[in-house]
């Protein structure tokens, strides 16, 4: 088999076994195709070496002048591909493992303030709201209220929601399951959304997706992203208006109000505590900025 055939198998594995979103798999695909473009046509697997990976990183840095963040993304895809080959017993050693990641500049994550997301900020919906309006509010409660990723919202089924217990069973990255509390507001918007779905001619069932389109498949993830974007603009938010900004807000507000970092880690579905610690750095940085602005000796 040629190297590109192994790559295709890896991408199928990510989609079917790891249950990565279409968007994530596409990101891996682009990175691996970029690497393949630096090699000869019809390249065998043996060409996937540590040196070829180092040359690829050099190409990205010197010739293409990519930022460290972009290089890290491409290199991470190669490291994951190598790990897959070792796990599948195709290779004994991951050729990309020893190649160091470029140092990335530390950037604070964007998030909305607690006042920005106060209930009174949201306009009152008409007596008969549109499906899009209700869908956007439900998405808000799932992401900001329970910390779900947008891909987890897209794949959410009705039978994952335990309304009486006020819990949702989330199937996250790598097929990992976690249980997360849900808000009273989410319960309310679920009822409104189900009614709007039925009125629109959709037929939700216990095993069907919550965000079910007319074709019986989950809504396109771009549609759900646009719902959040439009809703945040509607309440006057001028920063980045994405689902992930809401997820950042969920984590930041929990920590600001005294939640333990391990609990936040579990609710977010992070594998590594270091990923969650970025939010403690955010809070520390905000304190420093407030200190510099207000203290006479700062």
C-alpha atoms as a PDB file:
ATOM      1  CA  UNK A   1       0.000   0.000   0.000  1.00  0.00           C
ATOM      2  CA  UNK A   2       1.080   3.552  -0.721  1.00  0.00           C
ATOM      3  CA  UNK A   3       1.368   6.249   1.935  1.00  0.00           C
ATOM      4  CA  UNK A   4      -1.730   8.095   0.724  1.00  0.00           C
ATOM      5  CA  UNK A   5      -3.787   4.889   1.076  1.00  0.00           C
ATOM      6  CA  UNK A   6      -2.740   4.570   4.721  1.00  0.00           C
ATOM      7  CA  UNK A   7      -3.746   8.206   5.184  1.00  0.00           C
ATOM      8  CA  UNK A   8      -7.195   7.513   3.710  1.00  0.00           C
ATOM      9  CA  UNK A   9      -7.626   4.580   6.113  1.00  0.00           C
ATOM     10  CA  UNK A  10      -6.598   6.833   8.997  1.00  0.00           C
ATOM     11  CA  UNK A  11      -9.198   9.451   8.038  1.00  0.00           C
ATOM     12  CA  UNK A  12     -11.901   6.763   7.838  1.00  0.00           C
ATOM     13  CA  UNK A  13     -10.798   5.546  11.285  1.00  0.00           C
ATOM     14  CA  UNK A  14     -11.154   9.073  12.718  1.00  0.00           C
ATOM     15  CA  UNK A  15     -14.655   9.408  11.333  1.00  0.00           C
ATOM     16  CA  UNK A  16     -16.025   5.936  12.081  1.00  0.00           C
ATOM     17  CA  UNK A  17     -14.114   4.722  15.139  1.00  0.00           C
ATOM     18  CA  UNK A  18     -13.162   7.959  16.883  1.00  0.00           C
ATOM     19  CA  UNK A  19     -16.367   9.706  15.803  1.00  0.00           C
ATOM     20  CA  UNK A  20     -14.590  12.951  15.001  1.00  0.00           C
ATOM     21  CA  UNK A  21     -16.723  15.625  13.368  1.00  0.00           C
ATOM     22  CA  UNK A  22     -16.595  16.157   9.617  1.00  0.00           C
ATOM     23  CA  UNK A  23     -14.899  19.513  10.204  1.00  0.00           C
ATOM     24  CA  UNK A  24     -12.156  17.973  12.370  1.00  0.00           C
ATOM     25  CA  UNK A  25     -11.506  15.155   9.893  1.00  0.00           C
ATOM     26  CA  UNK A  26     -11.280  17.721   7.099  1.00  0.00           C
ATOM     27  CA  UNK A  27      -8.642  19.629   9.090  1.00  0.00           C
ATOM     28  CA  UNK A  28      -6.587  16.425   9.420  1.00  0.00           C
ATOM     29  CA  UNK A  29      -7.044  15.718   5.706  1.00  0.00           C
ATOM     30  CA  UNK A  30      -5.749  19.131   4.656  1.00  0.00           C
ATOM     31  CA  UNK A  31      -2.689  18.844   6.910  1.00  0.00           C
ATOM     32  CA  UNK A  32      -1.804  15.352   5.669  1.00  0.00           C
ATOM     33  CA  UNK A  33      -2.342  16.342   2.029  1.00  0.00           C
ATOM     34  CA  UNK A  34      -0.025  19.299   2.596  1.00  0.00           C
ATOM     35  CA  UNK A  35       2.617  16.871   3.875  1.00  0.00           C
ATOM     36  CA  UNK A  36       2.079  14.514   0.911  1.00  0.00           C
ATOM     37  CA  UNK A  37       2.608  17.436  -1.471  1.00  0.00           C
ATOM     38  CA  UNK A  38       6.221  17.713  -0.232  1.00  0.00           C
ATOM     39  CA  UNK A  39       6.911  14.102  -1.271  1.00  0.00           C
ATOM     40  CA  UNK A  40       7.120  12.386  -4.650  1.00  0.00           C
ATOM     41  CA  UNK A  41       4.035  10.867  -6.302  1.00  0.00           C
ATOM     42  CA  UNK A  42       3.098   7.272  -5.420  1.00  0.00           C
ATOM     43  CA  UNK A  43       5.183   7.425  -2.261  1.00  0.00           C
ATOM     44  CA  UNK A  44       5.469   4.207  -0.213  1.00  0.00           C
ATOM     45  CA  UNK A  45       4.892   4.160   3.544  1.00  0.00           C
ATOM     46  CA  UNK A  46       8.668   3.949   4.088  1.00  0.00           C
ATOM     47  CA  UNK A  47       8.926   7.619   3.044  1.00  0.00           C
ATOM     48  CA  UNK A  48       7.143   8.614   6.260  1.00  0.00           C
ATOM     49  CA  UNK A  49      10.302   9.218   8.302  1.00  0.00           C
ATOM     50  CA  UNK A  50      11.402  11.584  11.045  1.00  0.00           C
ATOM     51  CA  UNK A  51      13.560  13.443   8.512  1.00  0.00           C
ATOM     52  CA  UNK A  52      10.659  13.910   6.071  1.00  0.00           C
ATOM     53  CA  UNK A  53       8.548  15.325   8.900  1.00  0.00           C
ATOM     54  CA  UNK A  54      11.357  17.716   9.927  1.00  0.00           C
ATOM     55  CA  UNK A  55      11.709  18.818   6.297  1.00  0.00           C
ATOM     56  CA  UNK A  56       7.958  19.425   6.185  1.00  0.00           C
ATOM     57  CA  UNK A  57       8.108  21.621   9.302  1.00  0.00           C
ATOM     58  CA  UNK A  58      11.053  23.530   7.783  1.00  0.00           C
ATOM     59  CA  UNK A  59       9.062  24.027   4.559  1.00  0.00           C
ATOM     60  CA  UNK A  60       6.095  25.414   6.498  1.00  0.00           C
ATOM     61  CA  UNK A  61       8.254  27.732   8.588  1.00  0.00           C
ATOM     62  CA  UNK A  62      10.851  29.031   6.104  1.00  0.00           C
ATOM     63  CA  UNK A  63       9.227  28.807   2.681  1.00  0.00           C
ATOM     64  CA  UNK A  64       5.542  29.192   3.487  1.00  0.00           C
ATOM     65  CA  UNK A  65       6.197  31.426   6.517  1.00  0.00           C
ATOM     66  CA  UNK A  66       3.313  29.962   8.497  1.00  0.00           C
ATOM     67  CA  UNK A  67       2.672  31.023  12.075  1.00  0.00           C
ATOM     68  CA  UNK A  68       3.717  28.616  14.875  1.00  0.00           C
ATOM     69  CA  UNK A  69       0.041  27.908  15.643  1.00  0.00           C
ATOM     70  CA  UNK A  70      -0.588  26.721  12.061  1.00  0.00           C
ATOM     71  CA  UNK A  71       2.597  24.629  12.030  1.00  0.00           C
ATOM     72  CA  UNK A  72       1.556  22.993  15.316  1.00  0.00           C
ATOM     73  CA  UNK A  73      -1.803  22.066  13.791  1.00  0.00           C
ATOM     74  CA  UNK A  74      -0.172  20.382  10.770  1.00  0.00           C
ATOM     75  CA  UNK A  75       2.449  18.624  12.901  1.00  0.00           C
ATOM     76  CA  UNK A  76      -0.205  17.400  15.353  1.00  0.00           C
ATOM     77  CA  UNK A  77      -1.992  15.691  12.446  1.00  0.00           C
ATOM     78  CA  UNK A  78       1.214  13.852  11.498  1.00  0.00           C
ATOM     79  CA  UNK A  79       1.844  12.829  15.102  1.00  0.00           C
ATOM     80  CA  UNK A  80      -1.707  11.432  15.338  1.00  0.00           C
ATOM     81  CA  UNK A  81      -1.263   9.594  12.040  1.00  0.00           C
ATOM     82  CA  UNK A  82       1.994   8.052  13.288  1.00  0.00           C
ATOM     83  CA  UNK A  83       0.367   7.035  16.568  1.00  0.00           C
ATOM     84  CA  UNK A  84      -2.430   5.336  14.596  1.00  0.00           C
ATOM     85  CA  UNK A  85       0.108   3.367  12.529  1.00  0.00           C
ATOM     86  CA  UNK A  86       1.890   2.169  15.687  1.00  0.00           C
ATOM     87  CA  UNK A  87      -1.390   1.258  17.391  1.00  0.00           C
ATOM     88  CA  UNK A  88      -2.441  -0.652  14.262  1.00  0.00           C
ATOM     89  CA  UNK A  89       0.936  -2.503  14.353  1.00  0.00           C
ATOM     90  CA  UNK A  90       1.831  -1.200  10.901  1.00  0.00           C
ATOM     91  CA  UNK A  91       4.894   0.621  12.262  1.00  0.00           C
ATOM     92  CA  UNK A  92       6.953  -0.071  15.379  1.00  0.00           C
ATOM     93  CA  UNK A  93       7.799   3.581  16.015  1.00  0.00           C
ATOM     94  CA  UNK A  94       6.019   6.871  15.323  1.00  0.00           C
ATOM     95  CA  UNK A  95       8.307   8.860  12.949  1.00  0.00           C
ATOM     96  CA  UNK A  96       6.751  12.190  13.976  1.00  0.00           C
ATOM     97  CA  UNK A  97       6.946  11.602  17.735  1.00  0.00           C
ATOM     98  CA  UNK A  98      10.418  13.086  18.277  1.00  0.00           C
ATOM     99  CA  UNK A  99       9.821  16.196  16.146  1.00  0.00           C
ATOM    100  CA  UNK A 100       9.298  19.082  18.613  1.00  0.00           C
ATOM    101  CA  UNK A 101       6.288  21.360  18.415  1.00  0.00           C
ATOM    102  CA  UNK A 102       7.106  25.019  17.687  1.00  0.00           C
ATOM    103  CA  UNK A 103       6.544  27.355  20.623  1.00  0.00           C
ATOM    104  CA  UNK A 104       3.208  29.097  20.294  1.00  0.00           C
ATOM    105  CA  UNK A 105       2.617  32.620  21.586  1.00  0.00           C
ATOM    106  CA  UNK A 106       0.347  32.631  24.624  1.00  0.00           C
ATOM    107  CA  UNK A 107      -3.010  34.117  23.710  1.00  0.00           C
ATOM    108  CA  UNK A 108      -5.886  34.592  26.087  1.00  0.00           C
ATOM    109  CA  UNK A 109      -9.100  32.885  25.087  1.00  0.00           C
ATOM    110  CA  UNK A 110     -12.081  35.096  24.291  1.00  0.00           C
ATOM    111  CA  UNK A 111     -15.194  34.813  26.408  1.00  0.00           C
ATOM    112  CA  UNK A 112     -18.266  36.835  27.285  1.00  0.00           C
ATOM    113  CA  UNK A 113     -18.721  38.387  30.708  1.00  0.00           C
ATOM    114  CA  UNK A 114     -21.433  37.100  33.019  1.00  0.00           C
ATOM    115  CA  UNK A 115     -23.410  40.322  32.483  1.00  0.00           C
ATOM    116  CA  UNK A 116     -23.160  39.878  28.694  1.00  0.00           C
ATOM    117  CA  UNK A 117     -25.130  36.636  28.988  1.00  0.00           C
ATOM    118  CA  UNK A 118     -27.680  37.783  31.566  1.00  0.00           C
ATOM    119  CA  UNK A 119     -31.240  36.742  30.693  1.00  0.00           C
ATOM    120  CA  UNK A 120     -32.400  40.353  30.266  1.00  0.00           C
ATOM    121  CA  UNK A 121     -29.886  40.781  27.418  1.00  0.00           C
ATOM    122  CA  UNK A 122     -31.926  38.487  25.198  1.00  0.00           C
ATOM    123  CA  UNK A 123     -34.910  39.962  23.363  1.00  0.00           C
ATOM    124  CA  UNK A 124     -38.297  38.469  24.156  1.00  0.00           C
ATOM    125  CA  UNK A 125     -39.406  36.121  21.402  1.00  0.00           C
ATOM    126  CA  UNK A 126     -42.783  36.531  19.678  1.00  0.00           C
ATOM    127  CA  UNK A 127     -45.712  34.314  20.654  1.00  0.00           C
ATOM    128  CA  UNK A 128     -44.943  32.087  17.657  1.00  0.00           C
ATOM    129  CA  UNK A 129     -41.140  32.201  17.278  1.00  0.00           C
ATOM    130  CA  UNK A 130     -39.399  30.768  14.236  1.00  0.00           C
ATOM    131  CA  UNK A 131     -37.657  27.402  14.429  1.00  0.00           C
ATOM    132  CA  UNK A 132     -34.297  29.176  14.006  1.00  0.00           C
ATOM    133  CA  UNK A 133     -34.988  31.483  16.980  1.00  0.00           C
ATOM    134  CA  UNK A 134     -35.849  28.602  19.309  1.00  0.00           C
ATOM    135  CA  UNK A 135     -33.001  26.455  17.971  1.00  0.00           C
ATOM    136  CA  UNK A 136     -30.498  29.235  18.713  1.00  0.00           C
ATOM    137  CA  UNK A 137     -31.704  29.595  22.315  1.00  0.00           C
ATOM    138  CA  UNK A 138     -31.544  25.837  22.848  1.00  0.00           C
ATOM    139  CA  UNK A 139     -28.000  25.757  21.469  1.00  0.00           C
ATOM    140  CA  UNK A 140     -27.060  28.578  23.829  1.00  0.00           C
ATOM    141  CA  UNK A 141     -28.282  26.578  26.835  1.00  0.00           C
ATOM    142  CA  UNK A 142     -26.465  23.425  25.726  1.00  0.00           C
ATOM    143  CA  UNK A 143     -23.145  25.208  25.125  1.00  0.00           C
ATOM    144  CA  UNK A 144     -23.133  27.951  27.757  1.00  0.00           C
ATOM    145  CA  UNK A 145     -25.399  26.111  30.210  1.00  0.00           C
ATOM    146  CA  UNK A 146     -23.776  22.657  30.004  1.00  0.00           C
ATOM    147  CA  UNK A 147     -20.465  23.180  28.180  1.00  0.00           C
ATOM    148  CA  UNK A 148     -21.134  21.024  25.100  1.00  0.00           C
ATOM    149  CA  UNK A 149     -19.053  21.355  21.949  1.00  0.00           C
ATOM    150  CA  UNK A 150     -20.990  22.317  18.815  1.00  0.00           C
ATOM    151  CA  UNK A 151     -20.239  18.868  17.320  1.00  0.00           C
ATOM    152  CA  UNK A 152     -21.696  17.261  20.477  1.00  0.00           C
ATOM    153  CA  UNK A 153     -24.846  19.358  20.051  1.00  0.00           C
ATOM    154  CA  UNK A 154     -25.105  18.267  16.425  1.00  0.00           C
ATOM    155  CA  UNK A 155     -24.953  14.559  17.305  1.00  0.00           C
ATOM    156  CA  UNK A 156     -27.129  14.808  20.450  1.00  0.00           C
ATOM    157  CA  UNK A 157     -30.136  12.437  20.554  1.00  0.00           C
ATOM    158  CA  UNK A 158     -33.282  12.841  22.647  1.00  0.00           C
ATOM    159  CA  UNK A 159     -32.555   9.654  24.612  1.00  0.00           C
ATOM    160  CA  UNK A 160     -29.306  11.187  25.922  1.00  0.00           C
ATOM    161  CA  UNK A 161     -31.306  13.769  27.867  1.00  0.00           C
ATOM    162  CA  UNK A 162     -32.379  12.745  31.381  1.00  0.00           C
ATOM    163  CA  UNK A 163     -34.861  15.528  32.079  1.00  0.00           C
ATOM    164  CA  UNK A 164     -36.062  14.320  35.516  1.00  0.00           C
ATOM    165  CA  UNK A 165     -32.500  13.908  36.771  1.00  0.00           C
ATOM    166  CA  UNK A 166     -31.456  17.166  35.035  1.00  0.00           C
ATOM    167  CA  UNK A 167     -28.539  15.478  33.302  1.00  0.00           C
ATOM    168  CA  UNK A 168     -27.328  14.945  29.752  1.00  0.00           C
ATOM    169  CA  UNK A 169     -25.152  12.042  28.605  1.00  0.00           C
ATOM    170  CA  UNK A 170     -22.641  13.499  26.169  1.00  0.00           C
ATOM    171  CA  UNK A 171     -20.669  11.453  23.649  1.00  0.00           C
ATOM    172  CA  UNK A 172     -17.549  13.504  23.031  1.00  0.00           C
ATOM    173  CA  UNK A 173     -14.245  13.262  21.221  1.00  0.00           C
ATOM    174  CA  UNK A 174     -12.908   9.754  20.803  1.00  0.00           C
ATOM    175  CA  UNK A 175     -16.317   8.300  21.711  1.00  0.00           C
ATOM    176  CA  UNK A 176     -15.777   9.231  25.373  1.00  0.00           C
ATOM    177  CA  UNK A 177     -18.940   9.599  27.432  1.00  0.00           C
ATOM    178  CA  UNK A 178     -19.532  12.080  30.227  1.00  0.00           C
ATOM    179  CA  UNK A 179     -22.526  13.139  32.301  1.00  0.00           C
ATOM    180  CA  UNK A 180     -23.191  16.874  32.610  1.00  0.00           C
ATOM    181  CA  UNK A 181     -25.890  18.747  34.576  1.00  0.00           C
ATOM    182  CA  UNK A 182     -28.508  20.737  32.635  1.00  0.00           C
ATOM    183  CA  UNK A 183     -30.252  23.967  33.595  1.00  0.00           C
ATOM    184  CA  UNK A 184     -33.943  24.633  34.180  1.00  0.00           C
ATOM    185  CA  UNK A 185     -33.783  26.989  31.201  1.00  0.00           C
ATOM    186  CA  UNK A 186     -32.584  24.126  28.996  1.00  0.00           C
ATOM    187  CA  UNK A 187     -35.615  22.030  29.972  1.00  0.00           C
ATOM    188  CA  UNK A 188     -37.876  24.922  28.992  1.00  0.00           C
ATOM    189  CA  UNK A 189     -36.190  25.443  25.609  1.00  0.00           C
ATOM    190  CA  UNK A 190     -36.260  21.713  24.879  1.00  0.00           C
ATOM    191  CA  UNK A 191     -40.053  21.746  25.224  1.00  0.00           C
ATOM    192  CA  UNK A 192     -40.359  24.847  23.034  1.00  0.00           C
ATOM    193  CA  UNK A 193     -37.999  23.387  20.448  1.00  0.00           C
ATOM    194  CA  UNK A 194     -39.829  20.068  20.272  1.00  0.00           C
ATOM    195  CA  UNK A 195     -43.112  21.936  19.711  1.00  0.00           C
ATOM    196  CA  UNK A 196     -41.494  24.074  16.993  1.00  0.00           C
ATOM    197  CA  UNK A 197     -40.044  20.956  15.327  1.00  0.00           C
ATOM    198  CA  UNK A 198     -43.448  19.253  15.235  1.00  0.00           C
ATOM    199  CA  UNK A 199     -45.059  22.403  13.836  1.00  0.00           C
ATOM    200  CA  UNK A 200     -42.369  22.520  11.123  1.00  0.00           C
ATOM    201  CA  UNK A 201     -43.315  18.990  10.066  1.00  0.00           C
ATOM    202  CA  UNK A 202     -40.408  17.156  11.681  1.00  0.00           C
ATOM    203  CA  UNK A 203     -41.097  14.047  13.746  1.00  0.00           C
ATOM    204  CA  UNK A 204     -38.708  13.788  16.725  1.00  0.00           C
ATOM    205  CA  UNK A 205     -38.509  10.385  18.430  1.00  0.00           C
ATOM    206  CA  UNK A 206     -36.585   9.113  21.467  1.00  0.00           C
ATOM    207  CA  UNK A 207     -33.720   7.823  19.322  1.00  0.00           C
ATOM    208  CA  UNK A 208     -33.650  10.660  16.789  1.00  0.00           C
ATOM    209  CA  UNK A 209     -31.265  13.592  16.766  1.00  0.00           C
ATOM    210  CA  UNK A 210     -32.405  16.639  18.689  1.00  0.00           C
ATOM    211  CA  UNK A 211     -31.331  18.955  15.872  1.00  0.00           C
ATOM    212  CA  UNK A 212     -33.055  17.029  13.105  1.00  0.00           C
ATOM    213  CA  UNK A 213     -33.383  18.559   9.641  1.00  0.00           C
ATOM    214  CA  UNK A 214     -36.145  17.864   7.137  1.00  0.00           C
ATOM    215  CA  UNK A 215     -34.033  15.144   5.502  1.00  0.00           C
ATOM    216  CA  UNK A 216     -33.916  13.139   8.742  1.00  0.00           C
ATOM    217  CA  UNK A 217     -30.236  13.944   9.323  1.00  0.00           C
ATOM    218  CA  UNK A 218     -28.631  16.302  11.846  1.00  0.00           C
ATOM    219  CA  UNK A 219     -28.508  19.935  10.814  1.00  0.00           C
ATOM    220  CA  UNK A 220     -25.333  20.939   9.013  1.00  0.00           C
ATOM    221  CA  UNK A 221     -22.824  22.189  11.588  1.00  0.00           C
ATOM    222  CA  UNK A 222     -22.492  25.459   9.674  1.00  0.00           C
ATOM    223  CA  UNK A 223     -26.202  26.110  10.235  1.00  0.00           C
ATOM    224  CA  UNK A 224     -25.771  25.629  13.991  1.00  0.00           C
ATOM    225  CA  UNK A 225     -22.694  27.877  14.056  1.00  0.00           C
ATOM    226  CA  UNK A 226     -24.597  30.584  12.199  1.00  0.00           C
ATOM    227  CA  UNK A 227     -27.438  30.321  14.727  1.00  0.00           C
ATOM    228  CA  UNK A 228     -25.018  31.117  17.556  1.00  0.00           C
ATOM    229  CA  UNK A 229     -23.254  33.844  15.570  1.00  0.00           C
ATOM    230  CA  UNK A 230     -26.524  35.637  14.811  1.00  0.00           C
ATOM    231  CA  UNK A 231     -27.794  35.293  18.398  1.00  0.00           C
ATOM    232  CA  UNK A 232     -24.602  36.764  19.915  1.00  0.00           C
ATOM    233  CA  UNK A 233     -24.672  39.654  17.461  1.00  0.00           C
ATOM    234  CA  UNK A 234     -28.319  40.231  18.372  1.00  0.00           C
ATOM    235  CA  UNK A 235     -27.436  40.766  22.052  1.00  0.00           C
ATOM    236  CA  UNK A 236     -24.705  43.236  21.094  1.00  0.00           C
ATOM    237  CA  UNK A 237     -21.585  41.061  21.424  1.00  0.00           C
ATOM    238  CA  UNK A 238     -18.907  42.527  19.117  1.00  0.00           C
ATOM    239  CA  UNK A 239     -16.140  39.988  19.736  1.00  0.00           C
ATOM    240  CA  UNK A 240     -15.718  36.604  18.100  1.00  0.00           C
ATOM    241  CA  UNK A 241     -19.227  35.149  17.880  1.00  0.00           C
ATOM    242  CA  UNK A 242     -18.690  31.396  17.835  1.00  0.00           C
ATOM    243  CA  UNK A 243     -19.904  28.359  19.793  1.00  0.00           C
ATOM    244  CA  UNK A 244     -16.425  27.899  21.271  1.00  0.00           C
ATOM    245  CA  UNK A 245     -16.489  31.400  22.761  1.00  0.00           C
ATOM    246  CA  UNK A 246     -19.638  30.330  24.621  1.00  0.00           C
ATOM    247  CA  UNK A 247     -17.871  27.168  25.820  1.00  0.00           C
ATOM    248  CA  UNK A 248     -14.957  29.305  27.014  1.00  0.00           C
ATOM    249  CA  UNK A 249     -17.498  31.470  28.848  1.00  0.00           C
ATOM    250  CA  UNK A 250     -19.042  28.386  30.494  1.00  0.00           C
ATOM    251  CA  UNK A 251     -15.677  27.282  31.902  1.00  0.00           C
ATOM    252  CA  UNK A 252     -14.486  30.750  32.878  1.00  0.00           C
ATOM    253  CA  UNK A 253     -17.676  31.647  34.741  1.00  0.00           C
ATOM    254  CA  UNK A 254     -17.643  28.354  36.657  1.00  0.00           C
ATOM    255  CA  UNK A 255     -14.092  29.023  37.855  1.00  0.00           C
ATOM    256  CA  UNK A 256     -14.850  32.684  38.618  1.00  0.00           C
ATOM    257  CA  UNK A 257     -17.662  31.524  40.883  1.00  0.00           C
ATOM    258  CA  UNK A 258     -15.543  29.012  42.795  1.00  0.00           C
ATOM    259  CA  UNK A 259     -15.886  25.702  40.922  1.00  0.00           C
ATOM    260  CA  UNK A 260     -13.039  23.202  41.365  1.00  0.00           C
ATOM    261  CA  UNK A 261     -10.884  22.854  38.273  1.00  0.00           C
ATOM    262  CA  UNK A 262     -11.210  19.030  38.228  1.00  0.00           C
ATOM    263  CA  UNK A 263     -15.001  19.336  38.101  1.00  0.00           C
ATOM    264  CA  UNK A 264     -14.731  21.801  35.213  1.00  0.00           C
ATOM    265  CA  UNK A 265     -12.343  19.410  33.440  1.00  0.00           C
ATOM    266  CA  UNK A 266     -14.890  16.595  33.704  1.00  0.00           C
ATOM    267  CA  UNK A 267     -17.765  18.764  32.498  1.00  0.00           C
ATOM    268  CA  UNK A 268     -15.773  19.970  29.490  1.00  0.00           C
ATOM    269  CA  UNK A 269     -14.647  16.445  28.606  1.00  0.00           C
ATOM    270  CA  UNK A 270     -10.950  17.327  28.600  1.00  0.00           C
ATOM    271  CA  UNK A 271      -8.514  14.407  28.645  1.00  0.00           C
ATOM    272  CA  UNK A 272      -5.735  16.475  30.170  1.00  0.00           C
ATOM    273  CA  UNK A 273      -5.959  18.931  33.064  1.00  0.00           C
ATOM    274  CA  UNK A 274      -3.475  21.234  31.278  1.00  0.00           C
ATOM    275  CA  UNK A 275      -6.154  21.985  28.675  1.00  0.00           C
ATOM    276  CA  UNK A 276      -8.504  23.176  31.409  1.00  0.00           C
ATOM    277  CA  UNK A 277      -5.788  25.183  33.164  1.00  0.00           C
ATOM    278  CA  UNK A 278      -5.872  27.776  30.385  1.00  0.00           C
ATOM    279  CA  UNK A 279      -8.980  29.163  32.090  1.00  0.00           C
ATOM    280  CA  UNK A 280      -7.154  29.650  35.390  1.00  0.00           C
ATOM    281  CA  UNK A 281      -4.507  31.575  33.439  1.00  0.00           C
ATOM    282  CA  UNK A 282      -7.285  33.699  31.948  1.00  0.00           C
ATOM    283  CA  UNK A 283      -8.545  34.641  35.397  1.00  0.00           C
ATOM    284  CA  UNK A 284      -5.020  35.362  36.651  1.00  0.00           C
ATOM    285  CA  UNK A 285      -4.330  37.583  33.637  1.00  0.00           C
ATOM    286  CA  UNK A 286      -7.567  39.497  34.163  1.00  0.00           C
ATOM    287  CA  UNK A 287      -6.584  40.135  37.777  1.00  0.00           C
ATOM    288  CA  UNK A 288      -3.171  41.427  36.661  1.00  0.00           C
ATOM    289  CA  UNK A 289      -4.760  43.758  34.119  1.00  0.00           C
ATOM    290  CA  UNK A 290      -7.225  45.081  36.702  1.00  0.00           C
ATOM    291  CA  UNK A 291      -4.338  45.586  39.151  1.00  0.00           C
ATOM    292  CA  UNK A 292      -2.261  47.518  36.600  1.00  0.00           C
ATOM    293  CA  UNK A 293      -5.185  49.760  35.712  1.00  0.00           C
ATOM    294  CA  UNK A 294      -6.318  50.551  39.236  1.00  0.00           C
ATOM    295  CA  UNK A 295      -3.484  50.258  41.762  1.00  0.00           C
ATOM    296  CA  UNK A 296      -1.434  53.456  42.298  1.00  0.00           C
ATOM    297  CA  UNK A 297       1.843  51.510  42.566  1.00  0.00           C
ATOM    298  CA  UNK A 298       1.249  49.122  39.668  1.00  0.00           C
END
